[in-house]
Amino acid sequence: MTNRVELRVSVPDRPGVIAEVATLAGRLGIYIANLDTADSVEGGGVLVIVIEATGADAYESGLRELGYEVTRSDGS
């Protein structure tokens, strides 16, 4: 079984957010195993992204550099 990491990314309600997050994964060579969205009543929402553990540190750092708030769960 492959080790996977779940990232919860708080995102604003604007066009292009999913593309920006996915493009970063592609540039880093990271496979997104699953991506789900959840709206927030306060505006914006959360992307729940499951990726392989390899590369998770770089992806999380890249998301933070883009200005996103990220919460990580290693499933352990």
C-alpha atoms as a PDB file:
ATOM      1  CA  MET A   1       0.000   0.000   0.000  1.00  0.00           C
ATOM      2  CA  THR A   2       1.244   3.454  -0.877  1.00  0.00           C
ATOM      3  CA  ASN A   3       1.596   6.123   1.785  1.00  0.00           C
ATOM      4  CA  ARG A   4      -0.718   9.014   1.098  1.00  0.00           C
ATOM      5  CA  VAL A   5      -1.183  12.431   2.602  1.00  0.00           C
ATOM      6  CA  GLU A   6      -4.354  14.497   2.831  1.00  0.00           C
ATOM      7  CA  LEU A   7      -4.029  18.245   2.479  1.00  0.00           C
ATOM      8  CA  ARG A   8      -6.886  20.599   3.303  1.00  0.00           C
ATOM      9  CA  VAL A   9      -6.371  23.863   1.480  1.00  0.00           C
ATOM     10  CA  SER A  10      -8.460  26.927   2.357  1.00  0.00           C
ATOM     11  CA  VAL A  11      -9.241  28.725  -0.886  1.00  0.00           C
ATOM     12  CA  PRO A  12     -10.977  31.949  -1.897  1.00  0.00           C
ATOM     13  CA  ASP A  13     -14.112  31.911  -4.036  1.00  0.00           C
ATOM     14  CA  ARG A  14     -12.591  32.998  -7.353  1.00  0.00           C
ATOM     15  CA  PRO A  15     -12.068  31.532 -10.819  1.00  0.00           C
ATOM     16  CA  GLY A  16      -8.866  29.596 -11.442  1.00  0.00           C
ATOM     17  CA  VAL A  17      -8.146  28.363  -7.927  1.00  0.00           C
ATOM     18  CA  ILE A  18      -8.402  24.661  -8.754  1.00  0.00           C
ATOM     19  CA  ALA A  19      -6.316  25.180 -11.897  1.00  0.00           C
ATOM     20  CA  GLU A  20      -3.622  26.985  -9.901  1.00  0.00           C
ATOM     21  CA  VAL A  21      -3.454  24.232  -7.280  1.00  0.00           C
ATOM     22  CA  ALA A  22      -3.439  21.458  -9.905  1.00  0.00           C
ATOM     23  CA  THR A  23      -0.841  23.223 -12.068  1.00  0.00           C
ATOM     24  CA  LEU A  24       1.510  23.442  -9.097  1.00  0.00           C
ATOM     25  CA  ALA A  25       1.133  19.690  -8.548  1.00  0.00           C
ATOM     26  CA  GLY A  26       1.888  19.062 -12.210  1.00  0.00           C
ATOM     27  CA  ARG A  27       4.986  21.272 -12.178  1.00  0.00           C
ATOM     28  CA  LEU A  28       6.265  19.338  -9.163  1.00  0.00           C
ATOM     29  CA  GLY A  29       5.440  15.957 -10.742  1.00  0.00           C
ATOM     30  CA  ILE A  30       2.909  15.143  -8.019  1.00  0.00           C
ATOM     31  CA  TYR A  31       0.005  12.811  -8.751  1.00  0.00           C
ATOM     32  CA  ILE A  32      -3.310  13.921  -7.236  1.00  0.00           C
ATOM     33  CA  ALA A  33      -5.060  10.703  -6.214  1.00  0.00           C
ATOM     34  CA  ASN A  34      -8.253  12.497  -5.178  1.00  0.00           C
ATOM     35  CA  LEU A  35      -9.570  16.041  -4.987  1.00  0.00           C
ATOM     36  CA  ASP A  36     -12.803  17.095  -3.340  1.00  0.00           C
ATOM     37  CA  THR A  37     -14.318  20.504  -2.698  1.00  0.00           C
ATOM     38  CA  ALA A  38     -16.364  21.864   0.168  1.00  0.00           C
ATOM     39  CA  ASP A  39     -18.024  25.272   0.256  1.00  0.00           C
ATOM     40  CA  SER A  40     -17.893  27.438   3.330  1.00  0.00           C
ATOM     41  CA  VAL A  41     -20.765  29.618   4.491  1.00  0.00           C
ATOM     42  CA  GLU A  42     -18.195  32.334   5.287  1.00  0.00           C
ATOM     43  CA  GLY A  43     -17.169  32.440   1.622  1.00  0.00           C
ATOM     44  CA  GLY A  44     -14.483  30.514  -0.157  1.00  0.00           C
ATOM     45  CA  GLY A  45     -14.061  26.886   0.639  1.00  0.00           C
ATOM     46  CA  VAL A  46     -11.730  24.000   1.204  1.00  0.00           C
ATOM     47  CA  LEU A  47     -10.024  21.701  -1.269  1.00  0.00           C
ATOM     48  CA  VAL A  48      -9.326  18.258   0.150  1.00  0.00           C
ATOM     49  CA  ILE A  49      -6.412  16.837  -1.834  1.00  0.00           C
ATOM     50  CA  VAL A  50      -4.960  13.341  -1.456  1.00  0.00           C
ATOM     51  CA  ILE A  51      -1.453  12.824  -2.839  1.00  0.00           C
ATOM     52  CA  GLU A  52       1.403  10.369  -2.485  1.00  0.00           C
ATOM     53  CA  ALA A  53       3.566  11.107   0.566  1.00  0.00           C
ATOM     54  CA  THR A  54       6.620  11.498  -1.661  1.00  0.00           C
ATOM     55  CA  GLY A  55       6.692  15.137  -2.670  1.00  0.00           C
ATOM     56  CA  ALA A  56       4.114  16.227  -0.088  1.00  0.00           C
ATOM     57  CA  ASP A  57       6.550  18.568   1.670  1.00  0.00           C
ATOM     58  CA  ALA A  58       7.406  20.390  -1.555  1.00  0.00           C
ATOM     59  CA  TYR A  59       3.746  20.622  -2.573  1.00  0.00           C
ATOM     60  CA  GLU A  60       2.669  21.931   0.828  1.00  0.00           C
ATOM     61  CA  SER A  61       5.458  24.527   0.749  1.00  0.00           C
ATOM     62  CA  GLY A  62       4.500  25.584  -2.767  1.00  0.00           C
ATOM     63  CA  LEU A  63       0.868  26.028  -1.782  1.00  0.00           C
ATOM     64  CA  ARG A  64       1.902  28.178   1.179  1.00  0.00           C
ATOM     65  CA  GLU A  65       4.138  30.265  -1.111  1.00  0.00           C
ATOM     66  CA  LEU A  66       1.082  30.893  -3.292  1.00  0.00           C
ATOM     67  CA  GLY A  67      -0.681  32.237  -0.179  1.00  0.00           C
ATOM     68  CA  TYR A  68      -2.881  29.277   0.703  1.00  0.00           C
ATOM     69  CA  GLU A  69      -3.495  28.057   4.253  1.00  0.00           C
ATOM     70  CA  VAL A  70      -2.793  24.304   4.403  1.00  0.00           C
ATOM     71  CA  THR A  71      -3.586  21.654   7.008  1.00  0.00           C
ATOM     72  CA  ARG A  72      -1.937  18.261   6.626  1.00  0.00           C
ATOM     73  CA  SER A  73      -2.953  14.779   7.765  1.00  0.00           C
ATOM     74  CA  ASP A  74      -0.565  11.889   7.235  1.00  0.00           C
ATOM     75  CA  GLY A  75      -3.200   9.251   7.957  1.00  0.00           C
ATOM     76  CA  SER A  76      -1.208   7.703  10.766  1.00  0.00           C
END
